[in-house]
Amino acid sequence: MKVTIEIDCTPEEARRFLGLPDLDKAHQAAMEAMVARMRDAVGEFDADSLLKSWMSGGAKSLEEMQKSFWAGFSGAGDAPKEDK
């Protein structure tokens, strides 16, 4: 035998019925703190210094990276076959 019960209520009504705590204020506080930290981090972001640390060799390093990518893409179809 199969019994199906359908309850039509809002999430707020279900939370209250089940006796679960209201976490809206805690959620809002956590979101505000996260937004504040993200705004602070964006203010300290310096793309120029980040790229310089990644590309310390300048154009030569970029050229080597491009060669590495092309070598990886051209060899992608040449996967080694397993012997069984």
N, C-alpha and C. Protein backbone atom coordinates (compact mmCIF):
# COMPACT_ATOMS: atom_id res chain seq x y z
N MET A 1 0.84 -1.16 0.00
CA MET A 1 0.00 0.00 0.00
C MET A 1 0.90 1.24 0.00
N LYS A 2 0.45 2.25 -0.74
CA LYS A 2 1.21 3.49 -0.84
C LYS A 2 0.32 4.65 -0.42
N VAL A 3 0.80 5.47 0.50
CA VAL A 3 0.04 6.61 0.99
C VAL A 3 0.83 7.88 0.68
N THR A 4 0.18 8.85 0.09
CA THR A 4 0.81 10.12 -0.24
C THR A 4 0.09 11.23 0.51
N ILE A 5 0.85 12.04 1.21
CA ILE A 5 0.29 13.18 1.93
C ILE A 5 0.90 14.44 1.34
N GLU A 6 0.05 15.35 0.94
CA GLU A 6 0.53 16.61 0.37
C GLU A 6 0.17 17.74 1.32
N ILE A 7 1.16 18.51 1.72
CA ILE A 7 0.95 19.62 2.64
C ILE A 7 1.27 20.91 1.90
N ASP A 8 0.32 21.81 1.91
CA ASP A 8 0.50 23.09 1.22
C ASP A 8 0.74 24.17 2.27
N CYS A 9 2.01 24.56 2.43
CA CYS A 9 2.35 25.61 3.39
C CYS A 9 3.63 26.31 2.94
N THR A 10 3.86 27.46 3.51
CA THR A 10 5.07 28.21 3.18
C THR A 10 6.24 27.65 3.99
N PRO A 11 7.46 27.93 3.59
CA PRO A 11 8.61 27.48 4.39
C PRO A 11 8.56 28.01 5.82
N GLU A 12 8.08 29.24 5.99
CA GLU A 12 7.97 29.81 7.34
C GLU A 12 6.98 29.02 8.19
N GLU A 13 5.84 28.65 7.61
CA GLU A 13 4.85 27.86 8.34
C GLU A 13 5.40 26.48 8.69
N ALA A 14 6.12 25.86 7.77
CA ALA A 14 6.71 24.54 8.03
C ALA A 14 7.75 24.63 9.14
N ARG A 15 8.57 25.67 9.12
CA ARG A 15 9.59 25.84 10.15
C ARG A 15 8.95 25.98 11.53
N ARG A 16 7.93 26.79 11.61
CA ARG A 16 7.24 26.98 12.89
C ARG A 16 6.57 25.69 13.35
N PHE A 17 5.91 24.98 12.43
CA PHE A 17 5.22 23.74 12.79
C PHE A 17 6.19 22.69 13.32
N LEU A 18 7.37 22.61 12.70
CA LEU A 18 8.36 21.61 13.13
C LEU A 18 9.19 22.09 14.32
N GLY A 19 9.01 23.33 14.72
CA GLY A 19 9.73 23.85 15.88
C GLY A 19 11.19 24.18 15.60
N LEU A 20 11.51 24.44 14.37
CA LEU A 20 12.89 24.79 14.01
C LEU A 20 13.16 26.26 14.32
N PRO A 21 14.40 26.60 14.66
CA PRO A 21 14.71 27.99 15.00
C PRO A 21 14.69 28.90 13.78
N ASP A 22 14.41 30.16 14.01
CA ASP A 22 14.42 31.16 12.96
C ASP A 22 15.84 31.69 12.82
N LEU A 23 16.48 31.38 11.71
CA LEU A 23 17.88 31.76 11.50
C LEU A 23 18.04 32.94 10.56
N ASP A 24 16.95 33.64 10.28
CA ASP A 24 17.03 34.76 9.34
C ASP A 24 18.01 35.84 9.80
N LYS A 25 17.98 36.19 11.09
CA LYS A 25 18.87 37.23 11.59
C LYS A 25 20.33 36.78 11.54
N ALA A 26 20.58 35.52 11.89
CA ALA A 26 21.95 35.00 11.84
C ALA A 26 22.44 34.93 10.39
N HIS A 27 21.56 34.53 9.49
CA HIS A 27 21.92 34.46 8.07
C HIS A 27 22.23 35.85 7.53
N GLN A 28 21.39 36.81 7.89
CA GLN A 28 21.61 38.19 7.42
C GLN A 28 22.93 38.74 7.94
N ALA A 29 23.24 38.48 9.22
CA ALA A 29 24.50 38.96 9.79
C ALA A 29 25.70 38.31 9.10
N ALA A 30 25.60 37.00 8.83
CA ALA A 30 26.70 36.31 8.15
C ALA A 30 26.89 36.85 6.74
N MET A 31 25.80 37.11 6.04
CA MET A 31 25.90 37.66 4.68
C MET A 31 26.51 39.06 4.69
N GLU A 32 26.12 39.88 5.65
CA GLU A 32 26.70 41.23 5.73
C GLU A 32 28.19 41.17 6.02
N ALA A 33 28.60 40.26 6.89
CA ALA A 33 30.03 40.11 7.19
C ALA A 33 30.79 39.64 5.97
N MET A 34 30.21 38.72 5.22
CA MET A 34 30.88 38.21 4.02
C MET A 34 31.00 39.30 2.96
N VAL A 35 29.95 40.09 2.79
CA VAL A 35 29.99 41.19 1.82
C VAL A 35 31.06 42.20 2.22
N ALA A 36 31.15 42.51 3.50
CA ALA A 36 32.17 43.47 3.96
C ALA A 36 33.58 42.94 3.70
N ARG A 37 33.80 41.64 3.96
CA ARG A 37 35.13 41.07 3.71
C ARG A 37 35.45 41.07 2.23
N MET A 38 34.46 40.80 1.38
CA MET A 38 34.70 40.80 -0.06
C MET A 38 35.03 42.21 -0.55
N ARG A 39 34.33 43.21 -0.02
CA ARG A 39 34.62 44.60 -0.42
C ARG A 39 36.04 45.00 -0.01
N ASP A 40 36.47 44.57 1.19
CA ASP A 40 37.83 44.87 1.64
C ASP A 40 38.85 44.18 0.74
N ALA A 41 38.58 42.93 0.37
CA ALA A 41 39.52 42.18 -0.46
C ALA A 41 39.63 42.78 -1.86
N VAL A 42 38.52 43.25 -2.41
CA VAL A 42 38.55 43.86 -3.74
C VAL A 42 39.36 45.15 -3.70
N GLY A 43 39.27 45.89 -2.61
CA GLY A 43 40.03 47.13 -2.49
C GLY A 43 41.53 46.90 -2.47
N GLU A 44 41.96 45.73 -1.97
CA GLU A 44 43.38 45.42 -1.89
C GLU A 44 43.90 44.70 -3.14
N PHE A 45 43.01 44.34 -4.05
CA PHE A 45 43.39 43.59 -5.24
C PHE A 45 44.17 44.46 -6.21
N ASP A 46 45.32 43.96 -6.62
CA ASP A 46 46.15 44.68 -7.57
C ASP A 46 46.50 43.71 -8.70
N ALA A 47 45.78 43.83 -9.81
CA ALA A 47 45.95 42.90 -10.93
C ALA A 47 47.37 42.97 -11.50
N ASP A 48 47.95 44.14 -11.53
CA ASP A 48 49.28 44.30 -12.11
C ASP A 48 50.32 43.49 -11.35
N SER A 49 50.33 43.59 -10.03
CA SER A 49 51.32 42.83 -9.25
C SER A 49 51.04 41.33 -9.31
N LEU A 50 49.75 40.95 -9.39
CA LEU A 50 49.41 39.54 -9.51
C LEU A 50 49.95 38.96 -10.82
N LEU A 51 49.73 39.66 -11.91
CA LEU A 51 50.24 39.18 -13.20
C LEU A 51 51.76 39.17 -13.24
N LYS A 52 52.39 40.16 -12.62
CA LYS A 52 53.85 40.18 -12.59
C LYS A 52 54.40 38.98 -11.83
N SER A 53 53.72 38.57 -10.75
CA SER A 53 54.19 37.41 -10.01
C SER A 53 53.99 36.13 -10.81
N TRP A 54 52.91 36.08 -11.60
CA TRP A 54 52.67 34.89 -12.43
C TRP A 54 53.60 34.86 -13.63
N MET A 55 53.89 36.01 -14.18
CA MET A 55 54.70 36.10 -15.39
C MET A 55 56.00 36.81 -15.09
N SER A 56 56.79 36.25 -14.21
CA SER A 56 58.02 36.93 -13.81
C SER A 56 59.02 37.05 -14.95
N GLY A 57 58.92 36.17 -15.95
CA GLY A 57 59.84 36.22 -17.08
C GLY A 57 59.39 37.12 -18.20
N GLY A 58 58.24 37.75 -18.07
CA GLY A 58 57.73 38.66 -19.09
C GLY A 58 57.24 37.92 -20.31
N ALA A 59 57.57 38.43 -21.50
CA ALA A 59 57.09 37.87 -22.76
C ALA A 59 57.63 36.46 -22.98
N LYS A 60 58.84 36.21 -22.55
CA LYS A 60 59.42 34.88 -22.73
C LYS A 60 58.60 33.85 -21.96
N SER A 61 58.19 34.19 -20.75
CA SER A 61 57.39 33.28 -19.94
C SER A 61 56.03 33.05 -20.58
N LEU A 62 55.43 34.09 -21.14
CA LEU A 62 54.14 33.97 -21.81
C LEU A 62 54.26 33.06 -23.03
N GLU A 63 55.34 33.23 -23.77
CA GLU A 63 55.56 32.40 -24.96
C GLU A 63 55.72 30.93 -24.58
N GLU A 64 56.44 30.67 -23.49
CA GLU A 64 56.61 29.30 -23.03
C GLU A 64 55.29 28.70 -22.58
N MET A 65 54.45 29.51 -21.94
CA MET A 65 53.15 29.03 -21.49
C MET A 65 52.28 28.69 -22.70
N GLN A 66 52.31 29.52 -23.75
CA GLN A 66 51.53 29.24 -24.95
C GLN A 66 52.00 27.94 -25.61
N LYS A 67 53.30 27.75 -25.69
CA LYS A 67 53.82 26.51 -26.27
C LYS A 67 53.38 25.30 -25.46
N SER A 68 53.38 25.43 -24.16
CA SER A 68 52.94 24.34 -23.29
C SER A 68 51.47 24.02 -23.52
N PHE A 69 50.64 25.05 -23.63
CA PHE A 69 49.21 24.82 -23.88
C PHE A 69 49.00 24.13 -25.22
N TRP A 70 49.68 24.62 -26.28
CA TRP A 70 49.50 24.03 -27.60
C TRP A 70 50.00 22.59 -27.62
N ALA A 71 51.07 22.32 -26.92
CA ALA A 71 51.57 20.94 -26.86
C ALA A 71 50.55 20.04 -26.16
N GLY A 72 49.93 20.55 -25.12
CA GLY A 72 48.92 19.78 -24.41
C GLY A 72 47.68 19.55 -25.25
N PHE A 73 47.25 20.58 -25.99
CA PHE A 73 46.05 20.44 -26.82
C PHE A 73 46.31 19.54 -28.02
N SER A 74 47.46 19.64 -28.62
CA SER A 74 47.74 18.82 -29.80
C SER A 74 47.93 17.35 -29.42
N GLY A 75 48.36 17.08 -28.21
CA GLY A 75 48.55 15.70 -27.78
C GLY A 75 47.36 15.13 -27.03
N ALA A 76 46.27 15.90 -26.94
CA ALA A 76 45.11 15.43 -26.16
C ALA A 76 44.48 14.21 -26.77
N GLY A 77 44.49 14.08 -28.09
CA GLY A 77 43.88 12.92 -28.73
C GLY A 77 44.78 11.71 -28.77
N ASP A 78 46.02 11.87 -28.36
CA ASP A 78 46.99 10.78 -28.39
C ASP A 78 47.15 10.13 -27.03
N ALA A 79 46.03 9.82 -26.39
CA ALA A 79 46.11 9.21 -25.07
C ALA A 79 46.68 7.81 -25.19
N PRO A 80 47.52 7.39 -24.26
CA PRO A 80 48.10 6.05 -24.32
C PRO A 80 47.01 4.98 -24.18
N LYS A 81 47.16 3.93 -24.97
CA LYS A 81 46.19 2.83 -24.93
C LYS A 81 46.66 1.81 -23.92
N GLU A 82 45.68 1.27 -23.19
CA GLU A 82 46.01 0.27 -22.18
C GLU A 82 45.99 -1.12 -22.81
N ASP A 83 46.98 -1.93 -22.47
CA ASP A 83 47.02 -3.30 -22.93
C ASP A 83 46.28 -4.18 -21.95
N LYS A 84 45.40 -5.02 -22.48
CA LYS A 84 44.63 -5.90 -21.60
C LYS A 84 44.95 -7.33 -21.88
